[in-house]
Amino acid sequence: MDIELRKTGQIIGLRETGNRFRQILEKALNDNEDVLIDFDGVDSISSSFADEFIAKAYIKLGKEKFLNHVKIKNANEFIKIIINSSLSERLKRG
């Protein structure tokens, strides 16, 4: 399954949006689908969006399942920094 974020806008910032995408991600993985998260056309995301969508999914699914079944593409350097920072903070909190 492909999750194309460009349809959401060039800047994605709401925690609620992250929650919606996380639910789509988790359902696909529960149905044994691999997921491609495509940031093409997205210039920026907020840390709350990254936390809700990526970091919470990573924690819930576990490192192995997440890394083996979820791929991220077309994320610019800023988006990568936000994702890594959110994931780091979430891992500290557990």
PDB file of N, CA and C in Angstrom:
ATOM      1  N   MET A   1       0.837  -1.177   0.000  1.00  0.00           N
ATOM      2  CA  MET A   1       0.000   0.000   0.000  1.00  0.00           C
ATOM      3  C   MET A   1       0.881   1.239   0.000  1.00  0.00           C
ATOM      4  N   ASP A   2       0.488   2.216  -0.782  1.00  0.00           N
ATOM      5  CA  ASP A   2       1.185   3.493  -0.807  1.00  0.00           C
ATOM      6  C   ASP A   2       0.359   4.540  -0.060  1.00  0.00           C
ATOM      7  N   ILE A   3       1.008   5.269   0.820  1.00  0.00           N
ATOM      8  CA  ILE A   3       0.385   6.411   1.480  1.00  0.00           C
ATOM      9  C   ILE A   3       1.031   7.646   0.879  1.00  0.00           C
ATOM     10  N   GLU A   4       0.291   8.323   0.021  1.00  0.00           N
ATOM     11  CA  GLU A   4       0.796   9.507  -0.667  1.00  0.00           C
ATOM     12  C   GLU A   4       0.340  10.750   0.087  1.00  0.00           C
ATOM     13  N   LEU A   5       1.290  11.411   0.718  1.00  0.00           N
ATOM     14  CA  LEU A   5       0.964  12.533   1.587  1.00  0.00           C
ATOM     15  C   LEU A   5       0.752  13.838   0.834  1.00  0.00           C
ATOM     16  N   ARG A   6       1.131  13.922  -0.438  1.00  0.00           N
ATOM     17  CA  ARG A   6       0.991  15.169  -1.200  1.00  0.00           C
ATOM     18  C   ARG A   6      -0.457  15.632  -1.245  1.00  0.00           C
ATOM     19  N   LYS A   7      -1.394  14.708  -1.186  1.00  0.00           N
ATOM     20  CA  LYS A   7      -2.814  15.058  -1.230  1.00  0.00           C
ATOM     21  C   LYS A   7      -3.238  15.841   0.013  1.00  0.00           C
ATOM     22  N   THR A   8      -2.448  15.750   1.063  1.00  0.00           N
ATOM     23  CA  THR A   8      -2.757  16.431   2.313  1.00  0.00           C
ATOM     24  C   THR A   8      -2.266  17.878   2.296  1.00  0.00           C
ATOM     25  N   GLY A   9      -1.228  18.161   1.528  1.00  0.00           N
ATOM     26  CA  GLY A   9      -0.718  19.519   1.413  1.00  0.00           C
ATOM     27  C   GLY A   9       0.795  19.560   1.480  1.00  0.00           C
ATOM     28  N   GLN A  10       1.343  20.739   1.211  1.00  0.00           N
ATOM     29  CA  GLN A  10       2.794  20.906   1.244  1.00  0.00           C
ATOM     30  C   GLN A  10       3.333  20.976   2.666  1.00  0.00           C
ATOM     31  N   ILE A  11       2.498  21.408   3.588  1.00  0.00           N
ATOM     32  CA  ILE A  11       2.867  21.477   4.998  1.00  0.00           C
ATOM     33  C   ILE A  11       1.822  20.697   5.781  1.00  0.00           C
ATOM     34  N   ILE A  12       2.284  19.719   6.538  1.00  0.00           N
ATOM     35  CA  ILE A  12       1.366  18.885   7.305  1.00  0.00           C
ATOM     36  C   ILE A  12       1.692  19.060   8.780  1.00  0.00           C
ATOM     37  N   GLY A  13       0.693  19.485   9.564  1.00  0.00           N
ATOM     38  CA  GLY A  13       1.028  19.834  10.918  1.00  0.00           C
ATOM     39  C   GLY A  13       0.117  19.327  12.019  1.00  0.00           C
ATOM     40  N   LEU A  14      -1.007  18.761  11.701  1.00  0.00           N
ATOM     41  CA  LEU A  14      -1.953  18.415  12.759  1.00  0.00           C
ATOM     42  C   LEU A  14      -1.732  17.007  13.309  1.00  0.00           C
ATOM     43  N   ARG A  15      -1.790  16.898  14.615  1.00  0.00           N
ATOM     44  CA  ARG A  15      -1.704  15.595  15.278  1.00  0.00           C
ATOM     45  C   ARG A  15      -2.850  14.690  14.811  1.00  0.00           C
ATOM     46  N   GLU A  16      -4.021  15.265  14.619  1.00  0.00           N
ATOM     47  CA  GLU A  16      -5.181  14.483  14.173  1.00  0.00           C
ATOM     48  C   GLU A  16      -4.931  13.853  12.807  1.00  0.00           C
ATOM     49  N   THR A  17      -4.251  14.574  11.940  1.00  0.00           N
ATOM     50  CA  THR A  17      -3.903  14.028  10.626  1.00  0.00           C
ATOM     51  C   THR A  17      -2.928  12.867  10.781  1.00  0.00           C
ATOM     52  N   GLY A  18      -1.970  13.018  11.656  1.00  0.00           N
ATOM     53  CA  GLY A  18      -1.033  11.937  11.932  1.00  0.00           C
ATOM     54  C   GLY A  18      -1.734  10.703  12.470  1.00  0.00           C
ATOM     55  N   ASN A  19      -2.711  10.910  13.335  1.00  0.00           N
ATOM     56  CA  ASN A  19      -3.482   9.804  13.899  1.00  0.00           C
ATOM     57  C   ASN A  19      -4.234   9.059  12.796  1.00  0.00           C
ATOM     58  N   ARG A  20      -4.832   9.808  11.881  1.00  0.00           N
ATOM     59  CA  ARG A  20      -5.587   9.195  10.776  1.00  0.00           C
ATOM     60  C   ARG A  20      -4.664   8.344   9.906  1.00  0.00           C
ATOM     61  N   PHE A  21      -3.491   8.887   9.567  1.00  0.00           N
ATOM     62  CA  PHE A  21      -2.552   8.124   8.749  1.00  0.00           C
ATOM     63  C   PHE A  21      -1.977   6.927   9.505  1.00  0.00           C
ATOM     64  N   ARG A  22      -1.751   7.062  10.808  1.00  0.00           N
ATOM     65  CA  ARG A  22      -1.260   5.926  11.592  1.00  0.00           C
ATOM     66  C   ARG A  22      -2.265   4.786  11.577  1.00  0.00           C
ATOM     67  N   GLN A  23      -3.534   5.100  11.675  1.00  0.00           N
ATOM     68  CA  GLN A  23      -4.565   4.057  11.638  1.00  0.00           C
ATOM     69  C   GLN A  23      -4.567   3.332  10.292  1.00  0.00           C
ATOM     70  N   ILE A  24      -4.384   4.081   9.202  1.00  0.00           N
ATOM     71  CA  ILE A  24      -4.294   3.471   7.869  1.00  0.00           C
ATOM     72  C   ILE A  24      -3.070   2.561   7.793  1.00  0.00           C
ATOM     73  N   LEU A  25      -1.939   3.046   8.294  1.00  0.00           N
ATOM     74  CA  LEU A  25      -0.695   2.276   8.317  1.00  0.00           C
ATOM     75  C   LEU A  25      -0.858   0.983   9.106  1.00  0.00           C
ATOM     76  N   GLU A  26      -1.397   1.083  10.304  1.00  0.00           N
ATOM     77  CA  GLU A  26      -1.550  -0.096  11.161  1.00  0.00           C
ATOM     78  C   GLU A  26      -2.504  -1.120  10.551  1.00  0.00           C
ATOM     79  N   LYS A  27      -3.582  -0.649   9.932  1.00  0.00           N
ATOM     80  CA  LYS A  27      -4.525  -1.574   9.287  1.00  0.00           C
ATOM     81  C   LYS A  27      -3.844  -2.321   8.148  1.00  0.00           C
ATOM     82  N   ALA A  28      -3.090  -1.599   7.329  1.00  0.00           N
ATOM     83  CA  ALA A  28      -2.391  -2.243   6.217  1.00  0.00           C
ATOM     84  C   ALA A  28      -1.414  -3.296   6.721  1.00  0.00           C
ATOM     85  N   LEU A  29      -0.660  -2.970   7.758  1.00  0.00           N
ATOM     86  CA  LEU A  29       0.301  -3.930   8.300  1.00  0.00           C
ATOM     87  C   LEU A  29      -0.403  -5.128   8.929  1.00  0.00           C
ATOM     88  N   ASN A  30      -1.538  -4.891   9.577  1.00  0.00           N
ATOM     89  CA  ASN A  30      -2.312  -6.000  10.137  1.00  0.00           C
ATOM     90  C   ASN A  30      -2.865  -6.903   9.050  1.00  0.00           C
ATOM     91  N   ASP A  31      -3.055  -6.344   7.840  1.00  0.00           N
ATOM     92  CA  ASP A  31      -3.504  -7.126   6.686  1.00  0.00           C
ATOM     93  C   ASP A  31      -2.317  -7.696   5.905  1.00  0.00           C
ATOM     94  N   ASN A  32      -1.135  -7.659   6.520  1.00  0.00           N
ATOM     95  CA  ASN A  32       0.101  -8.198   5.943  1.00  0.00           C
ATOM     96  C   ASN A  32       0.540  -7.494   4.662  1.00  0.00           C
ATOM     97  N   GLU A  33       0.262  -6.212   4.561  1.00  0.00           N
ATOM     98  CA  GLU A  33       0.724  -5.413   3.427  1.00  0.00           C
ATOM     99  C   GLU A  33       1.962  -4.639   3.844  1.00  0.00           C
ATOM    100  N   ASP A  34       2.882  -4.487   2.923  1.00  0.00           N
ATOM    101  CA  ASP A  34       3.981  -3.558   3.128  1.00  0.00           C
ATOM    102  C   ASP A  34       3.465  -2.161   2.803  1.00  0.00           C
ATOM    103  N   VAL A  35       4.061  -1.153   3.436  1.00  0.00           N
ATOM    104  CA  VAL A  35       3.585   0.217   3.278  1.00  0.00           C
ATOM    105  C   VAL A  35       4.729   1.108   2.815  1.00  0.00           C
ATOM    106  N   LEU A  36       4.440   1.914   1.806  1.00  0.00           N
ATOM    107  CA  LEU A  36       5.369   2.924   1.324  1.00  0.00           C
ATOM    108  C   LEU A  36       4.770   4.288   1.659  1.00  0.00           C
ATOM    109  N   ILE A  37       5.470   5.064   2.494  1.00  0.00           N
ATOM    110  CA  ILE A  37       5.040   6.408   2.857  1.00  0.00           C
ATOM    111  C   ILE A  37       5.795   7.369   1.951  1.00  0.00           C
ATOM    112  N   ASP A  38       5.044   8.065   1.089  1.00  0.00           N
ATOM    113  CA  ASP A  38       5.647   8.925   0.070  1.00  0.00           C
ATOM    114  C   ASP A  38       5.436  10.397   0.427  1.00  0.00           C
ATOM    115  N   PHE A  39       6.545  11.086   0.679  1.00  0.00           N
ATOM    116  CA  PHE A  39       6.516  12.501   1.029  1.00  0.00           C
ATOM    117  C   PHE A  39       6.693  13.411  -0.188  1.00  0.00           C
ATOM    118  N   ASP A  40       6.601  12.869  -1.396  1.00  0.00           N
ATOM    119  CA  ASP A  40       6.741  13.691  -2.598  1.00  0.00           C
ATOM    120  C   ASP A  40       5.720  14.833  -2.553  1.00  0.00           C
ATOM    121  N   GLY A  41       6.199  16.057  -2.781  1.00  0.00           N
ATOM    122  CA  GLY A  41       5.320  17.219  -2.774  1.00  0.00           C
ATOM    123  C   GLY A  41       5.089  17.831  -1.407  1.00  0.00           C
ATOM    124  N   VAL A  42       5.656  17.221  -0.364  1.00  0.00           N
ATOM    125  CA  VAL A  42       5.522  17.751   0.993  1.00  0.00           C
ATOM    126  C   VAL A  42       6.827  18.456   1.350  1.00  0.00           C
ATOM    127  N   ASP A  43       6.714  19.716   1.750  1.00  0.00           N
ATOM    128  CA  ASP A  43       7.897  20.504   2.095  1.00  0.00           C
ATOM    129  C   ASP A  43       8.246  20.434   3.574  1.00  0.00           C
ATOM    130  N   SER A  44       7.219  20.279   4.418  1.00  0.00           N
ATOM    131  CA  SER A  44       7.445  20.370   5.862  1.00  0.00           C
ATOM    132  C   SER A  44       6.367  19.613   6.616  1.00  0.00           C
ATOM    133  N   ILE A  45       6.766  19.066   7.761  1.00  0.00           N
ATOM    134  CA  ILE A  45       5.809  18.440   8.681  1.00  0.00           C
ATOM    135  C   ILE A  45       6.120  18.944  10.088  1.00  0.00           C
ATOM    136  N   SER A  46       5.126  18.887  10.944  1.00  0.00           N
ATOM    137  CA  SER A  46       5.345  19.277  12.338  1.00  0.00           C
ATOM    138  C   SER A  46       5.819  18.075  13.142  1.00  0.00           C
ATOM    139  N   SER A  47       6.422  18.358  14.270  1.00  0.00           N
ATOM    140  CA  SER A  47       6.857  17.271  15.151  1.00  0.00           C
ATOM    141  C   SER A  47       5.657  16.514  15.711  1.00  0.00           C
ATOM    142  N   SER A  48       4.534  17.194  15.918  1.00  0.00           N
ATOM    143  CA  SER A  48       3.357  16.495  16.440  1.00  0.00           C
ATOM    144  C   SER A  48       2.798  15.523  15.396  1.00  0.00           C
ATOM    145  N   PHE A  49       2.805  15.909  14.120  1.00  0.00           N
ATOM    146  CA  PHE A  49       2.381  14.994  13.056  1.00  0.00           C
ATOM    147  C   PHE A  49       3.318  13.789  13.000  1.00  0.00           C
ATOM    148  N   ALA A  50       4.631  14.036  13.005  1.00  0.00           N
ATOM    149  CA  ALA A  50       5.616  12.950  12.939  1.00  0.00           C
ATOM    150  C   ALA A  50       5.497  12.022  14.144  1.00  0.00           C
ATOM    151  N   ASP A  51       5.277  12.590  15.315  1.00  0.00           N
ATOM    152  CA  ASP A  51       5.124  11.774  16.522  1.00  0.00           C
ATOM    153  C   ASP A  51       3.892  10.887  16.413  1.00  0.00           C
ATOM    154  N   GLU A  52       2.789  11.482  16.046  1.00  0.00           N
ATOM    155  CA  GLU A  52       1.523  10.741  16.001  1.00  0.00           C
ATOM    156  C   GLU A  52       1.528   9.666  14.919  1.00  0.00           C
ATOM    157  N   PHE A  53       2.095   9.986  13.769  1.00  0.00           N
ATOM    158  CA  PHE A  53       2.074   9.062  12.634  1.00  0.00           C
ATOM    159  C   PHE A  53       3.213   8.055  12.677  1.00  0.00           C
ATOM    160  N   ILE A  54       4.434   8.526  12.698  1.00  0.00           N
ATOM    161  CA  ILE A  54       5.590   7.646  12.553  1.00  0.00           C
ATOM    162  C   ILE A  54       6.057   7.081  13.892  1.00  0.00           C
ATOM    163  N   ALA A  55       6.309   7.951  14.861  1.00  0.00           N
ATOM    164  CA  ALA A  55       6.910   7.498  16.119  1.00  0.00           C
ATOM    165  C   ALA A  55       5.990   6.558  16.899  1.00  0.00           C
ATOM    166  N   LYS A  56       4.715   6.906  16.997  1.00  0.00           N
ATOM    167  CA  LYS A  56       3.792   6.022  17.724  1.00  0.00           C
ATOM    168  C   LYS A  56       3.637   4.680  17.020  1.00  0.00           C
ATOM    169  N   ALA A  57       3.611   4.687  15.688  1.00  0.00           N
ATOM    170  CA  ALA A  57       3.515   3.429  14.946  1.00  0.00           C
ATOM    171  C   ALA A  57       4.761   2.580  15.171  1.00  0.00           C
ATOM    172  N   TYR A  58       5.917   3.209  15.162  1.00  0.00           N
ATOM    173  CA  TYR A  58       7.190   2.508  15.390  1.00  0.00           C
ATOM    174  C   TYR A  58       7.188   1.834  16.756  1.00  0.00           C
ATOM    175  N   ILE A  59       6.762   2.577  17.767  1.00  0.00           N
ATOM    176  CA  ILE A  59       6.720   2.019  19.127  1.00  0.00           C
ATOM    177  C   ILE A  59       5.721   0.868  19.210  1.00  0.00           C
ATOM    178  N   LYS A  60       4.533   1.074  18.675  1.00  0.00           N
ATOM    179  CA  LYS A  60       3.483   0.053  18.770  1.00  0.00           C
ATOM    180  C   LYS A  60       3.849  -1.215  17.996  1.00  0.00           C
ATOM    181  N   LEU A  61       4.396  -1.045  16.803  1.00  0.00           N
ATOM    182  CA  LEU A  61       4.686  -2.191  15.949  1.00  0.00           C
ATOM    183  C   LEU A  61       5.995  -2.880  16.305  1.00  0.00           C
ATOM    184  N   GLY A  62       6.913  -2.126  16.865  1.00  0.00           N
ATOM    185  CA  GLY A  62       8.231  -2.660  17.163  1.00  0.00           C
ATOM    186  C   GLY A  62       9.186  -2.381  16.024  1.00  0.00           C
ATOM    187  N   LYS A  63      10.440  -2.259  16.380  1.00  0.00           N
ATOM    188  CA  LYS A  63      11.481  -1.890  15.418  1.00  0.00           C
ATOM    189  C   LYS A  63      11.533  -2.840  14.223  1.00  0.00           C
ATOM    190  N   GLU A  64      11.569  -4.133  14.482  1.00  0.00           N
ATOM    191  CA  GLU A  64      11.732  -5.113  13.411  1.00  0.00           C
ATOM    192  C   GLU A  64      10.576  -5.066  12.414  1.00  0.00           C
ATOM    193  N   LYS A  65       9.356  -5.104  12.912  1.00  0.00           N
ATOM    194  CA  LYS A  65       8.202  -5.090  12.003  1.00  0.00           C
ATOM    195  C   LYS A  65       8.138  -3.773  11.234  1.00  0.00           C
ATOM    196  N   PHE A  66       8.376  -2.664  11.920  1.00  0.00           N
ATOM    197  CA  PHE A  66       8.320  -1.370  11.246  1.00  0.00           C
ATOM    198  C   PHE A  66       9.375  -1.294  10.144  1.00  0.00           C
ATOM    199  N   LEU A  67      10.617  -1.606  10.471  1.00  0.00           N
ATOM    200  CA  LEU A  67      11.702  -1.480   9.489  1.00  0.00           C
ATOM    201  C   LEU A  67      11.582  -2.472   8.340  1.00  0.00           C
ATOM    202  N   ASN A  68      11.005  -3.628   8.600  1.00  0.00           N
ATOM    203  CA  ASN A  68      10.864  -4.634   7.545  1.00  0.00           C
ATOM    204  C   ASN A  68       9.677  -4.387   6.621  1.00  0.00           C
ATOM    205  N   HIS A  69       8.684  -3.631   7.083  1.00  0.00           N
ATOM    206  CA  HIS A  69       7.452  -3.508   6.308  1.00  0.00           C
ATOM    207  C   HIS A  69       7.048  -2.078   5.960  1.00  0.00           C
ATOM    208  N   VAL A  70       7.788  -1.094   6.455  1.00  0.00           N
ATOM    209  CA  VAL A  70       7.465   0.302   6.174  1.00  0.00           C
ATOM    210  C   VAL A  70       8.681   0.972   5.538  1.00  0.00           C
ATOM    211  N   LYS A  71       8.458   1.593   4.417  1.00  0.00           N
ATOM    212  CA  LYS A  71       9.510   2.341   3.740  1.00  0.00           C
ATOM    213  C   LYS A  71       9.046   3.787   3.578  1.00  0.00           C
ATOM    214  N   ILE A  72       9.997   4.706   3.705  1.00  0.00           N
ATOM    215  CA  ILE A  72       9.716   6.126   3.535  1.00  0.00           C
ATOM    216  C   ILE A  72      10.518   6.610   2.336  1.00  0.00           C
ATOM    217  N   LYS A  73       9.850   7.337   1.423  1.00  0.00           N
ATOM    218  CA  LYS A  73      10.581   7.867   0.275  1.00  0.00           C
ATOM    219  C   LYS A  73      10.216   9.322   0.048  1.00  0.00           C
ATOM    220  N   ASN A  74      11.108  10.006  -0.632  1.00  0.00           N
ATOM    221  CA  ASN A  74      10.943  11.413  -1.000  1.00  0.00           C
ATOM    222  C   ASN A  74      10.828  12.358   0.198  1.00  0.00           C
ATOM    223  N   ALA A  75      11.375  11.963   1.320  1.00  0.00           N
ATOM    224  CA  ALA A  75      11.409  12.865   2.475  1.00  0.00           C
ATOM    225  C   ALA A  75      12.643  13.753   2.345  1.00  0.00           C
ATOM    226  N   ASN A  76      12.437  15.069   2.380  1.00  0.00           N
ATOM    227  CA  ASN A  76      13.582  15.975   2.312  1.00  0.00           C
ATOM    228  C   ASN A  76      14.346  15.959   3.638  1.00  0.00           C
ATOM    229  N   GLU A  77      15.470  16.628   3.695  1.00  0.00           N
ATOM    230  CA  GLU A  77      16.312  16.588   4.905  1.00  0.00           C
ATOM    231  C   GLU A  77      15.578  17.126   6.140  1.00  0.00           C
ATOM    232  N   PHE A  78      14.793  18.179   5.966  1.00  0.00           N
ATOM    233  CA  PHE A  78      14.039  18.731   7.093  1.00  0.00           C
ATOM    234  C   PHE A  78      13.051  17.700   7.637  1.00  0.00           C
ATOM    235  N   ILE A  79      12.326  17.041   6.763  1.00  0.00           N
ATOM    236  CA  ILE A  79      11.359  16.023   7.191  1.00  0.00           C
ATOM    237  C   ILE A  79      12.073  14.874   7.893  1.00  0.00           C
ATOM    238  N   LYS A  80      13.216  14.451   7.369  1.00  0.00           N
ATOM    239  CA  LYS A  80      13.979  13.377   8.021  1.00  0.00           C
ATOM    240  C   LYS A  80      14.401  13.779   9.429  1.00  0.00           C
ATOM    241  N   ILE A  81      14.833  15.021   9.595  1.00  0.00           N
ATOM    242  CA  ILE A  81      15.237  15.500  10.919  1.00  0.00           C
ATOM    243  C   ILE A  81      14.049  15.488  11.879  1.00  0.00           C
ATOM    244  N   ILE A  82      12.901  15.951  11.415  1.00  0.00           N
ATOM    245  CA  ILE A  82      11.706  15.979  12.264  1.00  0.00           C
ATOM    246  C   ILE A  82      11.290  14.561  12.651  1.00  0.00           C
ATOM    247  N   ILE A  83      11.303  13.642  11.707  1.00  0.00           N
ATOM    248  CA  ILE A  83      10.943  12.248  12.013  1.00  0.00           C
ATOM    249  C   ILE A  83      11.917  11.658  13.019  1.00  0.00           C
ATOM    250  N   ASN A  84      13.210  11.824  12.789  1.00  0.00           N
ATOM    251  CA  ASN A  84      14.212  11.259  13.704  1.00  0.00           C
ATOM    252  C   ASN A  84      14.119  11.872  15.090  1.00  0.00           C
ATOM    253  N   SER A  85      13.884  13.166  15.158  1.00  0.00           N
ATOM    254  CA  SER A  85      13.741  13.842  16.449  1.00  0.00           C
ATOM    255  C   SER A  85      12.504  13.346  17.189  1.00  0.00           C
ATOM    256  N   SER A  86      11.400  13.220  16.490  1.00  0.00           N
ATOM    257  CA  SER A  86      10.159  12.734  17.111  1.00  0.00           C
ATOM    258  C   SER A  86      10.314  11.301  17.585  1.00  0.00           C
ATOM    259  N   LEU A  87      10.963  10.497  16.780  1.00  0.00           N
ATOM    260  CA  LEU A  87      11.190   9.104  17.168  1.00  0.00           C
ATOM    261  C   LEU A  87      12.095   9.021  18.384  1.00  0.00           C
ATOM    262  N   SER A  88      13.139   9.815  18.410  1.00  0.00           N
ATOM    263  CA  SER A  88      14.043   9.837  19.554  1.00  0.00           C
ATOM    264  C   SER A  88      13.312  10.228  20.836  1.00  0.00           C
ATOM    265  N   GLU A  89      12.493  11.261  20.759  1.00  0.00           N
ATOM    266  CA  GLU A  89      11.715  11.702  21.927  1.00  0.00           C
ATOM    267  C   GLU A  89      10.731  10.640  22.372  1.00  0.00           C
ATOM    268  N   ARG A  90      10.074   9.996  21.434  1.00  0.00           N
ATOM    269  CA  ARG A  90       9.090   8.944  21.764  1.00  0.00           C
ATOM    270  C   ARG A  90       9.795   7.756  22.410  1.00  0.00           C
ATOM    271  N   LEU A  91      10.965   7.387  21.929  1.00  0.00           N
ATOM    272  CA  LEU A  91      11.710   6.273  22.511  1.00  0.00           C
ATOM    273  C   LEU A  91      12.141   6.584  23.939  1.00  0.00           C
ATOM    274  N   LYS A  92      12.484   7.837  24.211  1.00  0.00           N
ATOM    275  CA  LYS A  92      12.853   8.241  25.569  1.00  0.00           C
ATOM    276  C   LYS A  92      11.670   8.102  26.526  1.00  0.00           C
ATOM    277  N   ARG A  93      10.476   8.439  26.016  1.00  0.00           N
ATOM    278  CA  ARG A  93       9.266   8.392  26.848  1.00  0.00           C
ATOM    279  C   ARG A  93       8.693   6.996  26.950  1.00  0.00           C
ATOM    280  N   GLY A  94       8.983   6.175  25.945  1.00  0.00           N
ATOM    281  CA  GLY A  94       8.480   4.805  25.959  1.00  0.00           C
ATOM    282  C   GLY A  94       7.160   4.669  25.390  1.00  0.00           C
TER     283      GLY A  94
END
